[in-house]
Amino acid sequence: MTPTLGFIFGAGLVLALVLLAQRSLSFVAQKPSDYAGSEPAFDIRQVLNGPMDCEGVIYGPTGRVTSRFVAEMDATWTGNTGRMTEAFRYATGMTQDREWTLTLGNDGSIRAEAPDLVGTGHGQQEGASVLLRYRIRLPEEAGGHVLNVTDWLYLAPNGHIINRSQFRKFGIKVAELVATMRPRAVA
């Protein structure tokens, strides 16, 4: 084997091992069944219901915080169909509104639609967690890119939600979001 061929073979082997580890040991490797039976149970019709407050940060590809935000959310349900509005206010002063339509299947499956999604999002609630995967088109001022999103929500014992999302382009993580959501305090 020539040195060049050996180098190419070795680089390919390292790349294959990195991709295998990423698929089986990383954030995106989680499955809803990993949380089966965990408590408290996450029923989106109850937990994502009514007015909520949210705050979070977005990390860029280098792991540094690139954006901070607060949001006001409100969700209402009619049977297994919910409508959730989100009004984001970023530290830069920029604002962004989104409206989701969520449909819960009898098996815990979730269908998600929003104007800035490319296609329909799909997910699953299981135990104290919710997984949602979708493709989102960023606003033009953010480049207009279409990113693949893996969105995990975990229900804490006090009823608050911890949200961790990863955004990928061509399989490469380009951003990560960490946020908390909780029912709005009654004044």
N, C-alpha and C. Protein backbone atom coordinates (compact mmCIF):
# COMPACT_ATOMS: atom_id res chain seq x y z
N MET A 1 0.86 -1.17 0.00
CA MET A 1 0.00 0.00 0.00
C MET A 1 0.91 1.23 0.00
N THR A 2 0.62 2.16 -0.90
CA THR A 2 1.41 3.39 -0.97
C THR A 2 1.07 4.30 0.21
N PRO A 3 1.99 5.21 0.57
CA PRO A 3 1.70 6.13 1.68
C PRO A 3 0.44 6.97 1.43
N THR A 4 0.24 7.40 0.20
CA THR A 4 -0.95 8.21 -0.11
C THR A 4 -2.22 7.41 0.08
N LEU A 5 -2.22 6.19 -0.42
CA LEU A 5 -3.38 5.32 -0.27
C LEU A 5 -3.62 5.00 1.21
N GLY A 6 -2.55 4.77 1.96
CA GLY A 6 -2.66 4.52 3.39
C GLY A 6 -3.26 5.71 4.13
N PHE A 7 -2.83 6.92 3.74
CA PHE A 7 -3.37 8.13 4.37
C PHE A 7 -4.85 8.28 4.07
N ILE A 8 -5.25 8.07 2.82
CA ILE A 8 -6.65 8.18 2.42
C ILE A 8 -7.49 7.13 3.16
N PHE A 9 -6.98 5.90 3.22
CA PHE A 9 -7.69 4.84 3.94
C PHE A 9 -7.84 5.21 5.42
N GLY A 10 -6.77 5.68 6.04
CA GLY A 10 -6.80 6.05 7.46
C GLY A 10 -7.76 7.21 7.72
N ALA A 11 -7.72 8.23 6.84
CA ALA A 11 -8.64 9.37 7.00
C ALA A 11 -10.08 8.92 6.85
N GLY A 12 -10.34 8.03 5.90
CA GLY A 12 -11.69 7.51 5.71
C GLY A 12 -12.15 6.71 6.91
N LEU A 13 -11.25 5.92 7.49
CA LEU A 13 -11.59 5.14 8.67
C LEU A 13 -11.91 6.05 9.86
N VAL A 14 -11.10 7.08 10.07
CA VAL A 14 -11.35 8.03 11.17
C VAL A 14 -12.69 8.73 10.96
N LEU A 15 -12.96 9.18 9.74
CA LEU A 15 -14.24 9.83 9.44
C LEU A 15 -15.41 8.90 9.71
N ALA A 16 -15.28 7.64 9.29
CA ALA A 16 -16.35 6.66 9.53
C ALA A 16 -16.57 6.45 11.02
N LEU A 17 -15.50 6.38 11.82
CA LEU A 17 -15.64 6.20 13.26
C LEU A 17 -16.27 7.41 13.93
N VAL A 18 -15.91 8.61 13.48
CA VAL A 18 -16.51 9.84 14.02
C VAL A 18 -18.01 9.86 13.70
N LEU A 19 -18.38 9.55 12.47
CA LEU A 19 -19.79 9.54 12.10
C LEU A 19 -20.57 8.46 12.86
N LEU A 20 -19.96 7.30 13.07
CA LEU A 20 -20.61 6.24 13.82
C LEU A 20 -20.83 6.67 15.27
N ALA A 21 -19.82 7.28 15.88
CA ALA A 21 -19.96 7.75 17.27
C ALA A 21 -21.03 8.83 17.35
N GLN A 22 -21.05 9.72 16.36
CA GLN A 22 -22.04 10.80 16.36
C GLN A 22 -23.44 10.25 16.25
N ARG A 23 -23.64 9.23 15.45
CA ARG A 23 -24.98 8.64 15.24
C ARG A 23 -25.43 7.80 16.43
N SER A 24 -24.48 7.22 17.18
CA SER A 24 -24.89 6.29 18.23
C SER A 24 -24.67 6.82 19.65
N LEU A 25 -23.87 7.86 19.82
CA LEU A 25 -23.54 8.31 21.17
C LEU A 25 -23.86 9.78 21.43
N SER A 26 -24.43 10.47 20.49
CA SER A 26 -24.57 11.92 20.63
C SER A 26 -26.02 12.34 20.87
N PHE A 27 -26.22 13.63 20.94
CA PHE A 27 -27.54 14.24 21.13
C PHE A 27 -28.56 13.70 20.13
N VAL A 28 -28.18 13.64 18.86
CA VAL A 28 -29.14 13.21 17.83
C VAL A 28 -29.44 11.72 17.89
N ALA A 29 -28.68 10.97 18.68
CA ALA A 29 -28.90 9.52 18.79
C ALA A 29 -30.00 9.18 19.79
N GLN A 30 -30.47 10.16 20.56
CA GLN A 30 -31.54 9.89 21.53
C GLN A 30 -32.79 9.41 20.80
N LYS A 31 -33.55 8.57 21.51
CA LYS A 31 -34.83 8.09 20.98
C LYS A 31 -35.89 8.33 22.04
N PRO A 32 -37.14 8.56 21.64
CA PRO A 32 -38.20 8.72 22.64
C PRO A 32 -38.26 7.55 23.62
N SER A 33 -38.00 6.34 23.13
CA SER A 33 -38.08 5.16 24.01
C SER A 33 -37.04 5.22 25.14
N ASP A 34 -35.97 6.04 24.97
CA ASP A 34 -34.99 6.20 26.05
C ASP A 34 -35.65 6.78 27.30
N TYR A 35 -36.79 7.46 27.15
CA TYR A 35 -37.44 8.14 28.26
C TYR A 35 -38.77 7.50 28.64
N ALA A 36 -39.06 6.33 28.09
CA ALA A 36 -40.33 5.64 28.39
C ALA A 36 -40.44 5.42 29.90
N GLY A 37 -41.59 5.78 30.44
CA GLY A 37 -41.85 5.57 31.86
C GLY A 37 -41.29 6.64 32.78
N SER A 38 -40.50 7.59 32.24
CA SER A 38 -39.96 8.64 33.11
C SER A 38 -41.09 9.57 33.52
N GLU A 39 -40.96 10.11 34.71
CA GLU A 39 -42.00 10.97 35.29
C GLU A 39 -41.45 12.36 35.55
N PRO A 40 -42.27 13.39 35.54
CA PRO A 40 -43.69 13.36 35.26
C PRO A 40 -43.95 13.18 33.77
N ALA A 41 -45.08 12.58 33.43
CA ALA A 41 -45.42 12.35 32.03
C ALA A 41 -45.68 13.69 31.33
N PHE A 42 -45.19 13.81 30.11
CA PHE A 42 -45.29 15.04 29.31
C PHE A 42 -46.46 14.87 28.34
N ASP A 43 -47.59 15.48 28.66
CA ASP A 43 -48.74 15.51 27.74
C ASP A 43 -48.79 16.94 27.20
N ILE A 44 -48.45 17.12 25.92
CA ILE A 44 -48.34 18.47 25.38
C ILE A 44 -49.63 19.26 25.49
N ARG A 45 -50.78 18.57 25.53
CA ARG A 45 -52.06 19.27 25.65
C ARG A 45 -52.20 19.95 27.01
N GLN A 46 -51.52 19.43 28.01
CA GLN A 46 -51.58 20.02 29.35
C GLN A 46 -50.39 20.93 29.62
N VAL A 47 -49.19 20.46 29.26
CA VAL A 47 -47.96 21.20 29.59
C VAL A 47 -47.80 22.42 28.70
N LEU A 48 -48.07 22.29 27.41
CA LEU A 48 -48.00 23.42 26.48
C LEU A 48 -49.41 23.97 26.31
N ASN A 49 -49.90 24.61 27.35
CA ASN A 49 -51.27 25.09 27.34
C ASN A 49 -51.34 26.39 28.13
N GLY A 50 -51.97 27.40 27.53
CA GLY A 50 -52.09 28.70 28.19
C GLY A 50 -50.87 29.57 27.95
N PRO A 51 -50.82 30.72 28.63
CA PRO A 51 -49.69 31.64 28.45
C PRO A 51 -48.42 31.12 29.14
N MET A 52 -47.30 31.26 28.45
CA MET A 52 -46.01 30.79 28.96
C MET A 52 -44.94 31.83 28.72
N ASP A 53 -43.91 31.81 29.55
CA ASP A 53 -42.73 32.65 29.37
C ASP A 53 -41.54 31.75 29.05
N CYS A 54 -40.62 32.30 28.28
CA CYS A 54 -39.47 31.54 27.82
C CYS A 54 -38.26 32.46 27.78
N GLU A 55 -37.10 31.90 28.07
CA GLU A 55 -35.85 32.62 27.83
C GLU A 55 -34.81 31.60 27.40
N GLY A 56 -33.86 32.07 26.57
CA GLY A 56 -32.87 31.12 26.08
C GLY A 56 -31.70 31.79 25.41
N VAL A 57 -30.78 30.93 25.01
CA VAL A 57 -29.59 31.37 24.29
C VAL A 57 -29.40 30.47 23.07
N ILE A 58 -28.76 31.02 22.06
CA ILE A 58 -28.40 30.26 20.87
C ILE A 58 -26.88 30.29 20.75
N TYR A 59 -26.30 29.11 20.62
CA TYR A 59 -24.86 28.97 20.46
C TYR A 59 -24.55 28.78 18.98
N GLY A 60 -23.49 29.42 18.51
CA GLY A 60 -23.06 29.26 17.13
C GLY A 60 -22.21 28.02 16.97
N PRO A 61 -21.65 27.82 15.78
CA PRO A 61 -20.87 26.60 15.51
C PRO A 61 -19.60 26.47 16.35
N THR A 62 -19.10 27.56 16.91
CA THR A 62 -17.90 27.48 17.75
C THR A 62 -18.23 27.23 19.21
N GLY A 63 -19.52 27.18 19.56
CA GLY A 63 -19.92 26.95 20.94
C GLY A 63 -20.10 28.22 21.75
N ARG A 64 -19.90 29.37 21.13
CA ARG A 64 -20.09 30.65 21.82
C ARG A 64 -21.52 31.14 21.63
N VAL A 65 -22.03 31.85 22.64
CA VAL A 65 -23.38 32.40 22.55
C VAL A 65 -23.41 33.45 21.45
N THR A 66 -24.32 33.28 20.51
CA THR A 66 -24.47 34.25 19.42
C THR A 66 -25.74 35.06 19.54
N SER A 67 -26.69 34.58 20.36
CA SER A 67 -27.96 35.29 20.49
C SER A 67 -28.61 34.92 21.83
N ARG A 68 -29.29 35.90 22.40
CA ARG A 68 -30.07 35.70 23.63
C ARG A 68 -31.48 36.20 23.36
N PHE A 69 -32.47 35.56 23.97
CA PHE A 69 -33.84 35.96 23.69
C PHE A 69 -34.75 35.69 24.88
N VAL A 70 -35.88 36.37 24.86
CA VAL A 70 -37.03 36.04 25.71
C VAL A 70 -38.21 35.89 24.77
N ALA A 71 -39.21 35.15 25.22
CA ALA A 71 -40.39 34.94 24.37
C ALA A 71 -41.63 34.80 25.24
N GLU A 72 -42.72 35.27 24.67
CA GLU A 72 -44.04 35.04 25.25
C GLU A 72 -44.75 34.06 24.33
N MET A 73 -45.29 33.01 24.93
CA MET A 73 -45.97 31.98 24.17
C MET A 73 -47.38 31.83 24.70
N ASP A 74 -48.25 31.34 23.84
CA ASP A 74 -49.62 31.07 24.27
C ASP A 74 -50.13 29.90 23.43
N ALA A 75 -50.67 28.90 24.11
CA ALA A 75 -51.18 27.72 23.41
C ALA A 75 -52.59 27.40 23.87
N THR A 76 -53.40 26.99 22.91
CA THR A 76 -54.77 26.56 23.19
C THR A 76 -55.00 25.25 22.44
N TRP A 77 -55.83 24.40 23.01
CA TRP A 77 -56.11 23.09 22.43
C TRP A 77 -57.61 22.88 22.27
N THR A 78 -57.96 22.25 21.15
CA THR A 78 -59.30 21.74 20.92
C THR A 78 -59.11 20.27 20.60
N GLY A 79 -59.39 19.43 21.58
CA GLY A 79 -59.13 18.00 21.39
C GLY A 79 -57.65 17.77 21.25
N ASN A 80 -57.26 17.12 20.15
CA ASN A 80 -55.85 16.80 19.92
C ASN A 80 -55.17 17.79 18.98
N THR A 81 -55.80 18.92 18.70
CA THR A 81 -55.20 19.93 17.83
C THR A 81 -54.96 21.20 18.62
N GLY A 82 -53.71 21.67 18.57
CA GLY A 82 -53.35 22.86 19.32
C GLY A 82 -52.78 23.94 18.42
N ARG A 83 -52.94 25.18 18.88
CA ARG A 83 -52.37 26.35 18.19
C ARG A 83 -51.48 27.04 19.21
N MET A 84 -50.21 27.24 18.86
CA MET A 84 -49.28 27.89 19.77
C MET A 84 -48.62 29.08 19.06
N THR A 85 -48.73 30.25 19.69
CA THR A 85 -48.07 31.43 19.15
C THR A 85 -46.84 31.72 19.99
N GLU A 86 -45.81 32.23 19.32
CA GLU A 86 -44.56 32.59 19.98
C GLU A 86 -44.18 34.00 19.51
N ALA A 87 -43.83 34.86 20.47
CA ALA A 87 -43.36 36.21 20.15
C ALA A 87 -41.98 36.36 20.79
N PHE A 88 -40.94 36.31 19.95
CA PHE A 88 -39.55 36.37 20.41
C PHE A 88 -39.06 37.82 20.40
N ARG A 89 -38.27 38.16 21.40
CA ARG A 89 -37.56 39.44 21.45
C ARG A 89 -36.10 39.12 21.75
N TYR A 90 -35.23 39.45 20.79
CA TYR A 90 -33.81 39.15 20.90
C TYR A 90 -33.07 40.32 21.54
N ALA A 91 -31.90 40.03 22.09
CA ALA A 91 -31.09 41.06 22.75
C ALA A 91 -30.71 42.18 21.79
N THR A 92 -30.69 41.90 20.51
CA THR A 92 -30.36 42.90 19.49
C THR A 92 -31.51 43.88 19.25
N GLY A 93 -32.70 43.54 19.79
CA GLY A 93 -33.89 44.35 19.53
C GLY A 93 -34.77 43.76 18.44
N MET A 94 -34.25 42.81 17.69
CA MET A 94 -35.04 42.16 16.64
C MET A 94 -36.18 41.36 17.28
N THR A 95 -37.31 41.30 16.59
CA THR A 95 -38.44 40.50 17.05
C THR A 95 -38.80 39.47 15.98
N GLN A 96 -39.46 38.42 16.41
CA GLN A 96 -39.88 37.37 15.48
C GLN A 96 -41.13 36.71 16.04
N ASP A 97 -42.11 36.49 15.19
CA ASP A 97 -43.34 35.81 15.59
C ASP A 97 -43.47 34.51 14.81
N ARG A 98 -44.02 33.50 15.49
CA ARG A 98 -44.26 32.21 14.84
C ARG A 98 -45.57 31.67 15.37
N GLU A 99 -46.29 30.96 14.52
CA GLU A 99 -47.52 30.29 14.95
C GLU A 99 -47.44 28.83 14.52
N TRP A 100 -47.55 27.95 15.48
CA TRP A 100 -47.52 26.51 15.24
C TRP A 100 -48.93 25.94 15.26
N THR A 101 -49.16 24.92 14.45
CA THR A 101 -50.32 24.06 14.58
C THR A 101 -49.76 22.68 14.93
N LEU A 102 -50.18 22.16 16.08
CA LEU A 102 -49.70 20.87 16.57
C LEU A 102 -50.86 19.90 16.62
N THR A 103 -50.64 18.70 16.12
CA THR A 103 -51.66 17.66 16.15
C THR A 103 -51.07 16.44 16.84
N LEU A 104 -51.75 16.01 17.90
CA LEU A 104 -51.30 14.86 18.68
C LEU A 104 -52.07 13.62 18.25
N GLY A 105 -51.33 12.58 17.88
CA GLY A 105 -51.96 11.31 17.53
C GLY A 105 -52.25 10.49 18.78
N ASN A 106 -53.13 9.50 18.66
CA ASN A 106 -53.48 8.65 19.80
C ASN A 106 -52.30 7.84 20.31
N ASP A 107 -51.27 7.67 19.47
CA ASP A 107 -50.07 6.92 19.87
C ASP A 107 -48.97 7.83 20.41
N GLY A 108 -49.27 9.11 20.64
CA GLY A 108 -48.27 10.06 21.13
C GLY A 108 -47.47 10.73 20.04
N SER A 109 -47.75 10.38 18.78
CA SER A 109 -47.05 11.03 17.68
C SER A 109 -47.51 12.48 17.56
N ILE A 110 -46.63 13.32 17.06
CA ILE A 110 -46.93 14.74 16.93
C ILE A 110 -46.65 15.17 15.50
N ARG A 111 -47.58 15.95 14.97
CA ARG A 111 -47.41 16.56 13.65
C ARG A 111 -47.36 18.07 13.89
N ALA A 112 -46.36 18.74 13.32
CA ALA A 112 -46.17 20.18 13.56
C ALA A 112 -46.10 20.92 12.23
N GLU A 113 -46.82 22.05 12.19
CA GLU A 113 -46.79 22.90 11.00
C GLU A 113 -46.61 24.35 11.44
N ALA A 114 -45.86 25.11 10.66
CA ALA A 114 -45.66 26.54 10.88
C ALA A 114 -45.24 27.14 9.54
N PRO A 115 -45.53 28.43 9.32
CA PRO A 115 -45.21 29.04 8.03
C PRO A 115 -43.74 28.97 7.62
N ASP A 116 -42.81 28.98 8.59
CA ASP A 116 -41.40 28.95 8.21
C ASP A 116 -40.81 27.55 8.19
N LEU A 117 -41.65 26.53 8.33
CA LEU A 117 -41.17 25.16 8.18
C LEU A 117 -41.21 24.77 6.71
N VAL A 118 -40.26 23.95 6.33
CA VAL A 118 -40.25 23.37 4.99
C VAL A 118 -40.85 21.98 5.16
N GLY A 119 -42.07 21.80 4.72
CA GLY A 119 -42.77 20.55 4.94
C GLY A 119 -43.38 20.52 6.33
N THR A 120 -43.60 19.33 6.84
CA THR A 120 -44.24 19.13 8.13
C THR A 120 -43.25 18.53 9.10
N GLY A 121 -43.29 18.99 10.35
CA GLY A 121 -42.46 18.41 11.39
C GLY A 121 -43.15 17.20 11.99
N HIS A 122 -42.35 16.27 12.50
CA HIS A 122 -42.88 15.06 13.11
C HIS A 122 -42.15 14.80 14.42
N GLY A 123 -42.89 14.25 15.38
CA GLY A 123 -42.28 13.98 16.66
C GLY A 123 -43.04 12.94 17.45
N GLN A 124 -42.66 12.83 18.72
CA GLN A 124 -43.23 11.83 19.59
C GLN A 124 -43.09 12.30 21.04
N GLN A 125 -44.15 12.14 21.81
CA GLN A 125 -44.04 12.37 23.25
C GLN A 125 -43.91 11.00 23.90
N GLU A 126 -43.02 10.91 24.89
CA GLU A 126 -42.78 9.64 25.58
C GLU A 126 -42.22 9.96 26.96
N GLY A 127 -42.86 9.45 27.99
CA GLY A 127 -42.40 9.72 29.35
C GLY A 127 -42.38 11.21 29.61
N ALA A 128 -41.26 11.71 30.13
CA ALA A 128 -41.12 13.13 30.47
C ALA A 128 -40.48 13.93 29.34
N SER A 129 -40.57 13.42 28.10
CA SER A 129 -39.89 14.10 27.00
C SER A 129 -40.76 14.21 25.76
N VAL A 130 -40.37 15.16 24.91
CA VAL A 130 -40.97 15.31 23.59
C VAL A 130 -39.84 15.51 22.59
N LEU A 131 -39.89 14.79 21.50
CA LEU A 131 -38.95 14.95 20.38
C LEU A 131 -39.73 15.53 19.22
N LEU A 132 -39.14 16.52 18.56
CA LEU A 132 -39.72 17.08 17.35
C LEU A 132 -38.60 17.30 16.35
N ARG A 133 -38.79 16.82 15.13
CA ARG A 133 -37.82 17.03 14.05
C ARG A 133 -38.52 17.75 12.92
N TYR A 134 -37.83 18.76 12.39
CA TYR A 134 -38.41 19.53 11.29
C TYR A 134 -37.31 20.28 10.55
N ARG A 135 -37.68 20.83 9.41
CA ARG A 135 -36.78 21.68 8.62
C ARG A 135 -37.33 23.09 8.68
N ILE A 136 -36.47 24.04 9.01
CA ILE A 136 -36.91 25.42 9.16
C ILE A 136 -36.13 26.33 8.21
N ARG A 137 -36.83 27.29 7.65
CA ARG A 137 -36.18 28.29 6.79
C ARG A 137 -35.95 29.53 7.65
N LEU A 138 -34.68 29.91 7.79
CA LEU A 138 -34.34 31.10 8.56
C LEU A 138 -34.83 32.35 7.85
N PRO A 139 -35.09 33.42 8.59
CA PRO A 139 -35.47 34.69 7.95
C PRO A 139 -34.35 35.17 7.01
N GLU A 140 -34.71 35.96 6.02
CA GLU A 140 -33.72 36.46 5.05
C GLU A 140 -32.58 37.20 5.75
N GLU A 141 -32.89 37.98 6.80
CA GLU A 141 -31.83 38.73 7.49
C GLU A 141 -30.85 37.80 8.21
N ALA A 142 -31.23 36.53 8.37
CA ALA A 142 -30.34 35.53 8.96
C ALA A 142 -29.78 34.59 7.87
N GLY A 143 -29.95 34.96 6.61
CA GLY A 143 -29.37 34.18 5.51
C GLY A 143 -30.35 33.36 4.72
N GLY A 144 -31.57 33.13 5.25
CA GLY A 144 -32.57 32.36 4.52
C GLY A 144 -32.25 30.88 4.36
N HIS A 145 -31.26 30.39 5.10
CA HIS A 145 -30.87 28.98 4.99
C HIS A 145 -31.97 28.06 5.50
N VAL A 146 -32.02 26.84 4.97
CA VAL A 146 -32.91 25.81 5.47
C VAL A 146 -32.06 24.88 6.34
N LEU A 147 -32.49 24.71 7.60
CA LEU A 147 -31.74 23.89 8.55
C LEU A 147 -32.60 22.74 9.04
N ASN A 148 -31.96 21.61 9.31
CA ASN A 148 -32.62 20.46 9.92
C ASN A 148 -32.53 20.64 11.43
N VAL A 149 -33.67 20.53 12.11
CA VAL A 149 -33.72 20.77 13.55
C VAL A 149 -34.13 19.50 14.28
N THR A 150 -33.40 19.19 15.34
CA THR A 150 -33.78 18.17 16.30
C THR A 150 -34.06 18.90 17.59
N ASP A 151 -35.29 18.82 18.05
CA ASP A 151 -35.80 19.62 19.17
C ASP A 151 -36.24 18.66 20.27
N TRP A 152 -35.58 18.71 21.42
CA TRP A 152 -35.99 17.89 22.57
C TRP A 152 -36.50 18.79 23.66
N LEU A 153 -37.64 18.45 24.24
CA LEU A 153 -38.19 19.15 25.39
C LEU A 153 -38.27 18.14 26.53
N TYR A 154 -37.78 18.55 27.70
CA TYR A 154 -37.78 17.69 28.88
C TYR A 154 -38.60 18.36 29.97
N LEU A 155 -39.53 17.64 30.56
CA LEU A 155 -40.37 18.18 31.61
C LEU A 155 -39.69 17.98 32.96
N ALA A 156 -39.45 19.08 33.67
CA ALA A 156 -38.85 19.03 35.00
C ALA A 156 -39.93 18.72 36.04
N PRO A 157 -39.54 18.23 37.20
CA PRO A 157 -40.53 17.90 38.23
C PRO A 157 -41.42 19.08 38.65
N ASN A 158 -40.94 20.32 38.49
CA ASN A 158 -41.75 21.49 38.89
C ASN A 158 -42.68 21.97 37.78
N GLY A 159 -42.76 21.25 36.65
CA GLY A 159 -43.63 21.63 35.56
C GLY A 159 -43.00 22.54 34.52
N HIS A 160 -41.76 22.97 34.75
CA HIS A 160 -41.05 23.78 33.77
C HIS A 160 -40.47 22.87 32.69
N ILE A 161 -40.21 23.44 31.53
CA ILE A 161 -39.68 22.68 30.39
C ILE A 161 -38.28 23.17 30.08
N ILE A 162 -37.36 22.24 29.88
CA ILE A 162 -36.03 22.56 29.39
C ILE A 162 -35.99 22.11 27.94
N ASN A 163 -35.64 23.04 27.05
CA ASN A 163 -35.63 22.80 25.61
C ASN A 163 -34.19 22.84 25.12
N ARG A 164 -33.77 21.80 24.42
CA ARG A 164 -32.45 21.78 23.78
C ARG A 164 -32.67 21.40 22.33
N SER A 165 -32.16 22.23 21.43
CA SER A 165 -32.33 22.00 20.00
C SER A 165 -30.98 22.10 19.31
N GLN A 166 -30.80 21.28 18.30
CA GLN A 166 -29.62 21.41 17.44
C GLN A 166 -30.09 21.67 16.02
N PHE A 167 -29.36 22.56 15.35
CA PHE A 167 -29.63 22.96 13.98
C PHE A 167 -28.47 22.48 13.12
N ARG A 168 -28.79 21.76 12.05
CA ARG A 168 -27.74 21.20 11.19
C ARG A 168 -27.97 21.58 9.74
N LYS A 169 -26.86 21.73 9.05
CA LYS A 169 -26.86 21.95 7.59
C LYS A 169 -25.89 20.94 7.01
N PHE A 170 -26.35 20.13 6.08
CA PHE A 170 -25.54 19.06 5.48
C PHE A 170 -24.97 18.14 6.55
N GLY A 171 -25.73 17.92 7.65
CA GLY A 171 -25.31 17.03 8.72
C GLY A 171 -24.35 17.65 9.72
N ILE A 172 -23.92 18.88 9.50
CA ILE A 172 -22.97 19.55 10.38
C ILE A 172 -23.72 20.50 11.31
N LYS A 173 -23.45 20.39 12.61
CA LYS A 173 -24.12 21.26 13.57
C LYS A 173 -23.65 22.69 13.37
N VAL A 174 -24.62 23.60 13.14
CA VAL A 174 -24.30 25.01 12.93
C VAL A 174 -24.80 25.89 14.07
N ALA A 175 -25.70 25.36 14.90
CA ALA A 175 -26.20 26.13 16.04
C ALA A 175 -26.86 25.18 17.02
N GLU A 176 -26.98 25.66 18.26
CA GLU A 176 -27.68 24.93 19.30
C GLU A 176 -28.43 25.93 20.16
N LEU A 177 -29.62 25.55 20.57
CA LEU A 177 -30.46 26.42 21.39
C LEU A 177 -30.73 25.71 22.72
N VAL A 178 -30.66 26.47 23.81
CA VAL A 178 -31.07 25.99 25.13
C VAL A 178 -32.02 27.02 25.69
N ALA A 179 -33.20 26.58 26.12
CA ALA A 179 -34.21 27.51 26.63
C ALA A 179 -35.00 26.85 27.74
N THR A 180 -35.64 27.69 28.54
CA THR A 180 -36.59 27.20 29.55
C THR A 180 -37.95 27.80 29.23
N MET A 181 -38.98 27.04 29.53
CA MET A 181 -40.36 27.50 29.33
C MET A 181 -41.14 27.15 30.60
N ARG A 182 -42.04 28.05 30.97
CA ARG A 182 -42.84 27.82 32.17
C ARG A 182 -44.14 28.58 32.07
N PRO A 183 -45.16 28.13 32.79
CA PRO A 183 -46.42 28.88 32.79
C PRO A 183 -46.17 30.31 33.28
N ARG A 184 -46.83 31.27 32.63
CA ARG A 184 -46.69 32.67 33.05
C ARG A 184 -47.27 32.85 34.43
N ALA A 185 -46.54 33.54 35.29
CA ALA A 185 -47.01 33.81 36.65
C ALA A 185 -48.21 34.73 36.61
N VAL A 186 -49.18 34.43 37.43
CA VAL A 186 -50.38 35.26 37.53
C VAL A 186 -50.06 36.46 38.41
N ALA A 187 -50.35 37.68 37.91
CA ALA A 187 -50.01 38.90 38.64
C ALA A 187 -50.95 39.16 39.78
